[in-house]
Amino acid sequence: MNLLQPGDVAVIGVPLDKNSSFRRGPAQAPAHIRERLHCGSANLSAESGFNLADSSRWRDVGDVAFGAGQPEFWAIESAAGAILERGARPPSLGGDHSITYPIVRAIAQKHPGLTILHIDAHPDLYDVLDGNRHSHACPFARIMEEDLAARLVQVGIRTINPPQRAQINRFGVESIEMKDWSPDRLPALTGPLYVSLDLDALDPAFAPGVSHQEPGGFSTREIQRILQSLTAPIVGADIVELNPLADVNAMTAMVAAKMLKEIVARMLA
């Protein structure tokens, strides 16, 4: 962490899945994504031509350390805050989607007026699920009720029910359902920008290794095009909900590693 310089990108793992509502496993994801990133079957070049192997402006700072008796969200927010204090920017590897809330809490302190691009099959706007206000189905409700983001844009959504539609209306969320999606539907996004990518935004044909498979989603290429189209300055990101226990031949972990390369390259462009 001490080696970080202003403008650097610091990848941090967040091995937490205690807020998963259906199936555990995402806590194991950071190690699997790193393994695929460095496995030798592909190189570290993003499609833009930016080669992560040749850049000293990004580094992997390991995983958030969870101390005994220490609140996990406090540890996550503190770890992200330590990166931000050095002027660096944290792309995070989840973990379940609950980790987005404490990360955004840290980022919002440094970057007010945040825009969030949320790519997901689910709105994750429940006020509470199964008695847990910090469920992985609730992070954006916590973010919006605390005014941590000026704007929340969601794409890929295909599971909206009445309670979540009410939350979309309550918070003024720009939610583009997958049934209505075309590339020209993505609105212009201004910075500072945070990107939250839930891997179940992809169709299970491309990313089977998630706990909540939802057919009818994006292809890998469609997600790549969204990421490559972003022009606003990205101040943070997360890739969440990989479940290695449900993966097939590590193909979803490989997709996550591919997305990480594209996000880091875009942040350093």
C-alpha atoms as a PDB file:
ATOM      1  CA  MET A   1       0.000   0.000   0.000  1.00  0.00           C
ATOM      2  CA  ASN A   2       2.878   2.387   0.791  1.00  0.00           C
ATOM      3  CA  LEU A   3       4.093   2.145  -2.815  1.00  0.00           C
ATOM      4  CA  LEU A   4       0.897   3.615  -4.236  1.00  0.00           C
ATOM      5  CA  GLN A   5       1.158   6.930  -6.034  1.00  0.00           C
ATOM      6  CA  PRO A   6      -1.572   9.419  -6.989  1.00  0.00           C
ATOM      7  CA  GLY A   7      -3.389   8.203 -10.079  1.00  0.00           C
ATOM      8  CA  ASP A   8      -2.441   4.547  -9.545  1.00  0.00           C
ATOM      9  CA  VAL A   9      -4.967   1.731  -9.704  1.00  0.00           C
ATOM     10  CA  ALA A  10      -4.961  -0.670  -6.756  1.00  0.00           C
ATOM     11  CA  VAL A  11      -6.847  -3.947  -7.176  1.00  0.00           C
ATOM     12  CA  ILE A  12      -8.143  -5.248  -3.855  1.00  0.00           C
ATOM     13  CA  GLY A  13      -9.950  -8.489  -3.069  1.00  0.00           C
ATOM     14  CA  VAL A  14     -12.971  -8.557  -0.770  1.00  0.00           C
ATOM     15  CA  PRO A  15     -13.594 -12.201   0.197  1.00  0.00           C
ATOM     16  CA  LEU A  16     -17.001 -11.757   1.806  1.00  0.00           C
ATOM     17  CA  ASP A  17     -20.217 -13.672   1.113  1.00  0.00           C
ATOM     18  CA  LYS A  18     -21.997 -13.672   4.471  1.00  0.00           C
ATOM     19  CA  ASN A  19     -24.715 -11.458   2.994  1.00  0.00           C
ATOM     20  CA  SER A  20     -25.535 -13.845   0.147  1.00  0.00           C
ATOM     21  CA  SER A  21     -29.205 -14.801   0.250  1.00  0.00           C
ATOM     22  CA  PHE A  22     -29.125 -18.088  -1.628  1.00  0.00           C
ATOM     23  CA  ARG A  23     -25.740 -19.771  -1.863  1.00  0.00           C
ATOM     24  CA  ARG A  24     -22.290 -19.151  -0.382  1.00  0.00           C
ATOM     25  CA  GLY A  25     -19.135 -19.279  -2.491  1.00  0.00           C
ATOM     26  CA  PRO A  26     -18.329 -15.734  -3.708  1.00  0.00           C
ATOM     27  CA  ALA A  27     -15.865 -15.274  -0.829  1.00  0.00           C
ATOM     28  CA  GLN A  28     -13.576 -17.622  -2.756  1.00  0.00           C
ATOM     29  CA  ALA A  29     -13.782 -15.545  -5.933  1.00  0.00           C
ATOM     30  CA  PRO A  30     -10.829 -13.120  -5.610  1.00  0.00           C
ATOM     31  CA  ALA A  31      -8.285 -15.952  -5.610  1.00  0.00           C
ATOM     32  CA  HIS A  32      -9.935 -17.599  -8.626  1.00  0.00           C
ATOM     33  CA  ILE A  33      -9.997 -14.357 -10.620  1.00  0.00           C
ATOM     34  CA  ARG A  34      -6.316 -13.745  -9.884  1.00  0.00           C
ATOM     35  CA  GLU A  35      -5.468 -17.295 -10.913  1.00  0.00           C
ATOM     36  CA  ARG A  36      -7.179 -16.834 -14.280  1.00  0.00           C
ATOM     37  CA  LEU A  37      -5.588 -13.409 -14.762  1.00  0.00           C
ATOM     38  CA  HIS A  38      -2.102 -14.893 -14.423  1.00  0.00           C
ATOM     39  CA  CYS A  39      -2.666 -18.475 -15.603  1.00  0.00           C
ATOM     40  CA  GLY A  40      -0.694 -18.118 -18.834  1.00  0.00           C
ATOM     41  CA  SER A  41      -3.520 -19.058 -21.194  1.00  0.00           C
ATOM     42  CA  ALA A  42      -3.886 -15.374 -22.097  1.00  0.00           C
ATOM     43  CA  ASN A  43      -1.722 -12.291 -21.772  1.00  0.00           C
ATOM     44  CA  LEU A  44      -2.321  -9.090 -19.824  1.00  0.00           C
ATOM     45  CA  SER A  45      -3.211  -6.915 -22.793  1.00  0.00           C
ATOM     46  CA  ALA A  46      -6.606  -5.254 -22.904  1.00  0.00           C
ATOM     47  CA  GLU A  47      -8.342  -4.983 -26.256  1.00  0.00           C
ATOM     48  CA  SER A  48      -7.363  -1.298 -26.460  1.00  0.00           C
ATOM     49  CA  GLY A  49      -3.740  -2.439 -26.704  1.00  0.00           C
ATOM     50  CA  PHE A  50      -2.932  -1.286 -23.170  1.00  0.00           C
ATOM     51  CA  ASN A  51      -0.663  -3.966 -21.702  1.00  0.00           C
ATOM     52  CA  LEU A  52      -0.986  -4.297 -17.956  1.00  0.00           C
ATOM     53  CA  ALA A  53       2.279  -6.265 -17.929  1.00  0.00           C
ATOM     54  CA  ASP A  54       4.174  -3.144 -19.032  1.00  0.00           C
ATOM     55  CA  SER A  55       2.572  -0.722 -16.568  1.00  0.00           C
ATOM     56  CA  SER A  56       3.776   0.145 -13.071  1.00  0.00           C
ATOM     57  CA  ARG A  57       0.686   2.271 -12.492  1.00  0.00           C
ATOM     58  CA  TRP A  58      -1.427  -0.620 -11.222  1.00  0.00           C
ATOM     59  CA  ARG A  59      -0.816  -3.192  -8.533  1.00  0.00           C
ATOM     60  CA  ASP A  60      -2.645  -5.903  -6.647  1.00  0.00           C
ATOM     61  CA  VAL A  61      -2.687  -4.988  -2.955  1.00  0.00           C
ATOM     62  CA  GLY A  62      -4.143  -8.301  -1.778  1.00  0.00           C
ATOM     63  CA  ASP A  63      -7.340  -8.902   0.163  1.00  0.00           C
ATOM     64  CA  VAL A  64      -9.127  -6.928   2.837  1.00  0.00           C
ATOM     65  CA  ALA A  65      -8.103  -8.316   6.228  1.00  0.00           C
ATOM     66  CA  PHE A  66     -11.041  -9.134   8.474  1.00  0.00           C
ATOM     67  CA  GLY A  67     -10.015  -9.075  12.125  1.00  0.00           C
ATOM     68  CA  ALA A  68     -11.727 -11.110  14.807  1.00  0.00           C
ATOM     69  CA  GLY A  69     -14.706  -9.213  16.142  1.00  0.00           C
ATOM     70  CA  GLN A  70     -14.202  -6.408  13.636  1.00  0.00           C
ATOM     71  CA  PRO A  71     -17.237  -5.342  11.557  1.00  0.00           C
ATOM     72  CA  GLU A  72     -16.626  -6.461   7.983  1.00  0.00           C
ATOM     73  CA  PHE A  73     -18.117  -3.341   6.405  1.00  0.00           C
ATOM     74  CA  TRP A  74     -15.857  -1.162   8.553  1.00  0.00           C
ATOM     75  CA  ALA A  75     -12.822  -3.148   7.366  1.00  0.00           C
ATOM     76  CA  ILE A  76     -13.879  -2.824   3.715  1.00  0.00           C
ATOM     77  CA  GLU A  77     -14.530   0.909   3.953  1.00  0.00           C
ATOM     78  CA  SER A  78     -11.225   1.430   5.764  1.00  0.00           C
ATOM     79  CA  ALA A  79      -9.244  -0.565   3.192  1.00  0.00           C
ATOM     80  CA  ALA A  80     -10.804   1.352   0.296  1.00  0.00           C
ATOM     81  CA  GLY A  81     -10.251   4.601   2.172  1.00  0.00           C
ATOM     82  CA  ALA A  82      -6.551   3.835   2.639  1.00  0.00           C
ATOM     83  CA  ILE A  83      -6.171   3.445  -1.133  1.00  0.00           C
ATOM     84  CA  LEU A  84      -8.058   6.661  -1.794  1.00  0.00           C
ATOM     85  CA  GLU A  85      -5.978   8.584   0.766  1.00  0.00           C
ATOM     86  CA  ARG A  86      -2.947   7.960  -1.427  1.00  0.00           C
ATOM     87  CA  GLY A  87      -4.742   9.340  -4.458  1.00  0.00           C
ATOM     88  CA  ALA A  88      -5.147   5.878  -5.985  1.00  0.00           C
ATOM     89  CA  ARG A  89      -8.346   4.234  -7.212  1.00  0.00           C
ATOM     90  CA  PRO A  90      -9.691   0.823  -6.151  1.00  0.00           C
ATOM     91  CA  PRO A  91     -11.175  -1.754  -8.501  1.00  0.00           C
ATOM     92  CA  SER A  92     -12.429  -4.451  -6.140  1.00  0.00           C
ATOM     93  CA  LEU A  93     -12.931  -8.186  -6.583  1.00  0.00           C
ATOM     94  CA  GLY A  94     -15.891  -9.568  -4.635  1.00  0.00           C
ATOM     95  CA  GLY A  95     -17.328 -11.237  -2.854  1.00  0.00           C
ATOM     96  CA  ASP A  96     -21.079 -10.774  -2.960  1.00  0.00           C
ATOM     97  CA  HIS A  97     -22.714  -7.517  -4.004  1.00  0.00           C
ATOM     98  CA  SER A  98     -23.082  -6.240  -0.440  1.00  0.00           C
ATOM     99  CA  ILE A  99     -19.440  -5.081  -0.618  1.00  0.00           C
ATOM    100  CA  THR A 100     -20.379  -2.229  -2.966  1.00  0.00           C
ATOM    101  CA  TYR A 101     -22.004  -0.236  -0.174  1.00  0.00           C
ATOM    102  CA  PRO A 102     -18.962   0.197   2.114  1.00  0.00           C
ATOM    103  CA  ILE A 103     -16.685   0.775  -0.890  1.00  0.00           C
ATOM    104  CA  VAL A 104     -18.942   3.521  -2.229  1.00  0.00           C
ATOM    105  CA  ARG A 105     -19.112   5.046   1.262  1.00  0.00           C
ATOM    106  CA  ALA A 106     -15.343   5.499   1.123  1.00  0.00           C
ATOM    107  CA  ILE A 107     -15.299   6.755  -2.458  1.00  0.00           C
ATOM    108  CA  ALA A 108     -18.110   9.260  -1.944  1.00  0.00           C
ATOM    109  CA  GLN A 109     -16.040  11.021   0.722  1.00  0.00           C
ATOM    110  CA  LYS A 110     -13.320  11.725  -1.851  1.00  0.00           C
ATOM    111  CA  HIS A 111     -15.501  12.057  -4.933  1.00  0.00           C
ATOM    112  CA  PRO A 112     -18.833  13.784  -4.256  1.00  0.00           C
ATOM    113  CA  GLY A 113     -21.436  13.881  -7.009  1.00  0.00           C
ATOM    114  CA  LEU A 114     -20.746  10.263  -7.919  1.00  0.00           C
ATOM    115  CA  THR A 115     -22.418   8.576 -10.884  1.00  0.00           C
ATOM    116  CA  ILE A 116     -22.794   4.799 -10.577  1.00  0.00           C
ATOM    117  CA  LEU A 117     -23.129   2.494 -13.567  1.00  0.00           C
ATOM    118  CA  HIS A 118     -24.640  -0.705 -12.195  1.00  0.00           C
ATOM    119  CA  ILE A 119     -24.571  -3.694 -14.580  1.00  0.00           C
ATOM    120  CA  ASP A 120     -26.685  -6.508 -13.188  1.00  0.00           C
ATOM    121  CA  ALA A 121     -29.642  -8.833 -13.681  1.00  0.00           C
ATOM    122  CA  HIS A 122     -31.115  -7.528 -10.410  1.00  0.00           C
ATOM    123  CA  PRO A 123     -31.813  -4.003  -9.151  1.00  0.00           C
ATOM    124  CA  ASP A 124     -30.451  -4.823  -5.642  1.00  0.00           C
ATOM    125  CA  LEU A 125     -32.695  -2.129  -4.202  1.00  0.00           C
ATOM    126  CA  TYR A 126     -34.634  -4.060  -1.562  1.00  0.00           C
ATOM    127  CA  ASP A 127     -34.991  -2.100   1.637  1.00  0.00           C
ATOM    128  CA  VAL A 128     -34.512  -5.366   3.512  1.00  0.00           C
ATOM    129  CA  LEU A 129     -34.336  -9.023   2.471  1.00  0.00           C
ATOM    130  CA  ASP A 130     -34.800 -11.903   4.901  1.00  0.00           C
ATOM    131  CA  GLY A 131     -34.369  -9.487   7.781  1.00  0.00           C
ATOM    132  CA  ASN A 132     -30.973  -8.273   6.509  1.00  0.00           C
ATOM    133  CA  ARG A 133     -30.647  -4.626   5.489  1.00  0.00           C
ATOM    134  CA  HIS A 134     -27.095  -5.374   4.320  1.00  0.00           C
ATOM    135  CA  SER A 135     -28.063  -8.286   2.085  1.00  0.00           C
ATOM    136  CA  HIS A 136     -26.436  -8.463  -1.333  1.00  0.00           C
ATOM    137  CA  ALA A 137     -29.914  -7.584  -2.598  1.00  0.00           C
ATOM    138  CA  CYS A 138     -29.894  -4.222  -0.752  1.00  0.00           C
ATOM    139  CA  PRO A 139     -26.638  -2.268  -1.404  1.00  0.00           C
ATOM    140  CA  PHE A 140     -28.092   0.341  -3.720  1.00  0.00           C
ATOM    141  CA  ALA A 141     -30.926   1.109  -1.325  1.00  0.00           C
ATOM    142  CA  ARG A 142     -28.326   1.927   1.336  1.00  0.00           C
ATOM    143  CA  ILE A 143     -26.264   3.959  -1.149  1.00  0.00           C
ATOM    144  CA  MET A 144     -29.181   6.015  -2.383  1.00  0.00           C
ATOM    145  CA  GLU A 145     -30.798   6.658   0.993  1.00  0.00           C
ATOM    146  CA  GLU A 146     -27.467   8.031   2.262  1.00  0.00           C
ATOM    147  CA  ASP A 147     -27.091  10.249  -0.835  1.00  0.00           C
ATOM    148  CA  LEU A 148     -23.742   8.647  -1.637  1.00  0.00           C
ATOM    149  CA  ALA A 149     -24.424   8.945  -5.390  1.00  0.00           C
ATOM    150  CA  ALA A 150     -25.987  11.744  -7.384  1.00  0.00           C
ATOM    151  CA  ARG A 151     -27.051   9.340 -10.097  1.00  0.00           C
ATOM    152  CA  LEU A 152     -27.613   5.578 -10.390  1.00  0.00           C
ATOM    153  CA  VAL A 153     -27.878   4.064 -13.878  1.00  0.00           C
ATOM    154  CA  GLN A 154     -28.734   0.353 -14.090  1.00  0.00           C
ATOM    155  CA  VAL A 155     -28.505  -1.821 -17.205  1.00  0.00           C
ATOM    156  CA  GLY A 156     -29.232  -5.486 -17.805  1.00  0.00           C
ATOM    157  CA  ILE A 157     -32.055  -5.620 -15.258  1.00  0.00           C
ATOM    158  CA  ARG A 158     -34.547  -8.438 -15.812  1.00  0.00           C
ATOM    159  CA  THR A 159     -36.041  -9.334 -12.408  1.00  0.00           C
ATOM    160  CA  ILE A 160     -37.902  -6.212 -11.282  1.00  0.00           C
ATOM    161  CA  ASN A 161     -40.793  -6.936  -8.933  1.00  0.00           C
ATOM    162  CA  PRO A 162     -43.232  -4.404  -7.388  1.00  0.00           C
ATOM    163  CA  PRO A 163     -41.183  -3.651  -4.220  1.00  0.00           C
ATOM    164  CA  GLN A 164     -38.071  -2.955  -6.268  1.00  0.00           C
ATOM    165  CA  ARG A 165     -39.978  -0.896  -8.842  1.00  0.00           C
ATOM    166  CA  ALA A 166     -41.233   1.238  -5.968  1.00  0.00           C
ATOM    167  CA  GLN A 167     -37.631   1.751  -4.853  1.00  0.00           C
ATOM    168  CA  ILE A 168     -36.591   2.693  -8.396  1.00  0.00           C
ATOM    169  CA  ASN A 169     -39.280   5.368  -8.392  1.00  0.00           C
ATOM    170  CA  ARG A 170     -38.435   6.491  -4.861  1.00  0.00           C
ATOM    171  CA  PHE A 171     -34.762   7.084  -5.617  1.00  0.00           C
ATOM    172  CA  GLY A 172     -35.108   8.274  -9.214  1.00  0.00           C
ATOM    173  CA  VAL A 173     -33.006   5.395 -10.531  1.00  0.00           C
ATOM    174  CA  GLU A 174     -32.422   5.232 -14.290  1.00  0.00           C
ATOM    175  CA  SER A 175     -33.104   1.523 -14.727  1.00  0.00           C
ATOM    176  CA  ILE A 176     -32.905   0.135 -18.270  1.00  0.00           C
ATOM    177  CA  GLU A 177     -34.461  -3.304 -18.368  1.00  0.00           C
ATOM    178  CA  MET A 178     -32.828  -5.967 -20.511  1.00  0.00           C
ATOM    179  CA  LYS A 179     -36.015  -6.391 -22.567  1.00  0.00           C
ATOM    180  CA  ASP A 180     -35.593  -2.773 -23.677  1.00  0.00           C
ATOM    181  CA  TRP A 181     -31.808  -2.810 -24.124  1.00  0.00           C
ATOM    182  CA  SER A 182     -29.889  -1.634 -27.138  1.00  0.00           C
ATOM    183  CA  PRO A 183     -26.463   0.021 -27.077  1.00  0.00           C
ATOM    184  CA  ASP A 184     -27.930   3.415 -27.887  1.00  0.00           C
ATOM    185  CA  ARG A 185     -30.028   3.246 -24.691  1.00  0.00           C
ATOM    186  CA  LEU A 186     -26.988   3.794 -22.467  1.00  0.00           C
ATOM    187  CA  PRO A 187     -27.195   7.456 -21.428  1.00  0.00           C
ATOM    188  CA  ALA A 188     -24.220   9.776 -21.403  1.00  0.00           C
ATOM    189  CA  LEU A 189     -22.333   9.279 -18.151  1.00  0.00           C
ATOM    190  CA  THR A 190     -20.274  11.977 -16.500  1.00  0.00           C
ATOM    191  CA  GLY A 191     -17.655  11.576 -13.838  1.00  0.00           C
ATOM    192  CA  PRO A 192     -16.697  10.846 -11.260  1.00  0.00           C
ATOM    193  CA  LEU A 193     -17.908   7.387 -12.292  1.00  0.00           C
ATOM    194  CA  TYR A 194     -18.113   4.151 -10.310  1.00  0.00           C
ATOM    195  CA  VAL A 195     -18.733   0.897 -12.190  1.00  0.00           C
ATOM    196  CA  SER A 196     -20.346  -2.057 -10.409  1.00  0.00           C
ATOM    197  CA  LEU A 197     -20.414  -5.253 -12.452  1.00  0.00           C
ATOM    198  CA  ASP A 198     -22.394  -8.204 -11.157  1.00  0.00           C
ATOM    199  CA  LEU A 199     -21.431 -11.192 -13.273  1.00  0.00           C
ATOM    200  CA  ASP A 200     -25.016 -12.453 -13.355  1.00  0.00           C
ATOM    201  CA  ALA A 201     -25.687  -9.554 -15.728  1.00  0.00           C
ATOM    202  CA  LEU A 202     -24.280 -11.940 -18.317  1.00  0.00           C
ATOM    203  CA  ASP A 203     -26.417 -14.705 -19.709  1.00  0.00           C
ATOM    204  CA  PRO A 204     -25.580 -18.016 -17.976  1.00  0.00           C
ATOM    205  CA  ALA A 205     -24.327 -19.296 -21.337  1.00  0.00           C
ATOM    206  CA  PHE A 206     -21.371 -16.922 -20.930  1.00  0.00           C
ATOM    207  CA  ALA A 207     -21.048 -16.912 -17.134  1.00  0.00           C
ATOM    208  CA  PRO A 208     -22.535 -19.983 -15.445  1.00  0.00           C
ATOM    209  CA  GLY A 209     -20.494 -19.549 -12.264  1.00  0.00           C
ATOM    210  CA  VAL A 210     -22.892 -17.340 -10.315  1.00  0.00           C
ATOM    211  CA  SER A 211     -25.315 -18.100  -7.516  1.00  0.00           C
ATOM    212  CA  HIS A 212     -28.340 -16.533  -9.206  1.00  0.00           C
ATOM    213  CA  GLN A 213     -28.384 -17.576 -12.857  1.00  0.00           C
ATOM    214  CA  GLU A 214     -30.851 -15.415 -14.774  1.00  0.00           C
ATOM    215  CA  PRO A 215     -31.343 -16.309 -18.465  1.00  0.00           C
ATOM    216  CA  GLY A 216     -31.667 -13.622 -21.098  1.00  0.00           C
ATOM    217  CA  GLY A 217     -28.646 -11.521 -20.204  1.00  0.00           C
ATOM    218  CA  PHE A 218     -25.718  -9.840 -21.908  1.00  0.00           C
ATOM    219  CA  SER A 219     -23.069 -11.577 -23.941  1.00  0.00           C
ATOM    220  CA  THR A 220     -19.448 -11.112 -22.960  1.00  0.00           C
ATOM    221  CA  ARG A 221     -18.959  -8.910 -26.034  1.00  0.00           C
ATOM    222  CA  GLU A 222     -21.869  -6.652 -25.071  1.00  0.00           C
ATOM    223  CA  ILE A 223     -20.381  -6.024 -21.622  1.00  0.00           C
ATOM    224  CA  GLN A 224     -16.993  -5.366 -23.212  1.00  0.00           C
ATOM    225  CA  ARG A 225     -18.537  -2.773 -25.497  1.00  0.00           C
ATOM    226  CA  ILE A 226     -20.213  -1.016 -22.589  1.00  0.00           C
ATOM    227  CA  LEU A 227     -16.934  -0.815 -20.664  1.00  0.00           C
ATOM    228  CA  GLN A 228     -14.975   0.264 -23.726  1.00  0.00           C
ATOM    229  CA  SER A 229     -17.496   3.019 -24.486  1.00  0.00           C
ATOM    230  CA  LEU A 230     -17.027   4.784 -21.158  1.00  0.00           C
ATOM    231  CA  THR A 231     -15.349   8.175 -21.402  1.00  0.00           C
ATOM    232  CA  ALA A 232     -15.980   9.598 -17.911  1.00  0.00           C
ATOM    233  CA  PRO A 233     -13.156   9.283 -15.360  1.00  0.00           C
ATOM    234  CA  ILE A 234     -13.584   6.042 -13.395  1.00  0.00           C
ATOM    235  CA  VAL A 235     -12.725   6.476  -9.720  1.00  0.00           C
ATOM    236  CA  GLY A 236     -13.588   2.949  -8.599  1.00  0.00           C
ATOM    237  CA  ALA A 237     -15.182  -0.303  -9.664  1.00  0.00           C
ATOM    238  CA  ASP A 238     -16.141  -3.738  -8.480  1.00  0.00           C
ATOM    239  CA  ILE A 239     -16.626  -7.150 -10.063  1.00  0.00           C
ATOM    240  CA  VAL A 240     -18.876  -9.256  -7.853  1.00  0.00           C
ATOM    241  CA  GLU A 241     -20.873 -12.456  -7.449  1.00  0.00           C
ATOM    242  CA  LEU A 242     -18.522 -14.963  -9.086  1.00  0.00           C
ATOM    243  CA  ASN A 243     -19.240 -18.263  -7.355  1.00  0.00           C
ATOM    244  CA  PRO A 244     -16.386 -20.681  -8.100  1.00  0.00           C
ATOM    245  CA  LEU A 245     -18.438 -23.538  -6.626  1.00  0.00           C
ATOM    246  CA  ALA A 246     -20.930 -23.144  -9.492  1.00  0.00           C
ATOM    247  CA  ASP A 247     -18.411 -22.425 -12.257  1.00  0.00           C
ATOM    248  CA  VAL A 248     -17.716 -24.646 -15.266  1.00  0.00           C
ATOM    249  CA  ASN A 249     -14.068 -25.089 -16.296  1.00  0.00           C
ATOM    250  CA  ALA A 250     -13.330 -21.727 -14.626  1.00  0.00           C
ATOM    251  CA  MET A 251     -14.973 -19.986 -17.580  1.00  0.00           C
ATOM    252  CA  THR A 252     -16.744 -17.371 -15.436  1.00  0.00           C
ATOM    253  CA  ALA A 253     -13.520 -16.646 -13.569  1.00  0.00           C
ATOM    254  CA  MET A 254     -11.872 -16.103 -16.957  1.00  0.00           C
ATOM    255  CA  VAL A 255     -14.645 -13.704 -17.947  1.00  0.00           C
ATOM    256  CA  ALA A 256     -14.075 -11.820 -14.679  1.00  0.00           C
ATOM    257  CA  ALA A 257     -10.331 -11.618 -15.363  1.00  0.00           C
ATOM    258  CA  LYS A 258     -11.047 -10.314 -18.854  1.00  0.00           C
ATOM    259  CA  MET A 259     -13.365  -7.644 -17.462  1.00  0.00           C
ATOM    260  CA  LEU A 260     -10.773  -6.670 -14.865  1.00  0.00           C
ATOM    261  CA  LYS A 261      -8.188  -6.077 -17.600  1.00  0.00           C
ATOM    262  CA  GLU A 262     -10.607  -3.869 -19.501  1.00  0.00           C
ATOM    263  CA  ILE A 263     -11.569  -1.869 -16.410  1.00  0.00           C
ATOM    264  CA  VAL A 264      -7.980  -1.319 -15.282  1.00  0.00           C
ATOM    265  CA  ALA A 265      -6.924  -0.335 -18.802  1.00  0.00           C
ATOM    266  CA  ARG A 266      -9.827   2.092 -19.039  1.00  0.00           C
ATOM    267  CA  MET A 267      -8.956   3.619 -15.657  1.00  0.00           C
ATOM    268  CA  LEU A 268      -5.350   4.148 -16.744  1.00  0.00           C
ATOM    269  CA  ALA A 269      -6.087   5.356 -20.281  1.00  0.00           C
END
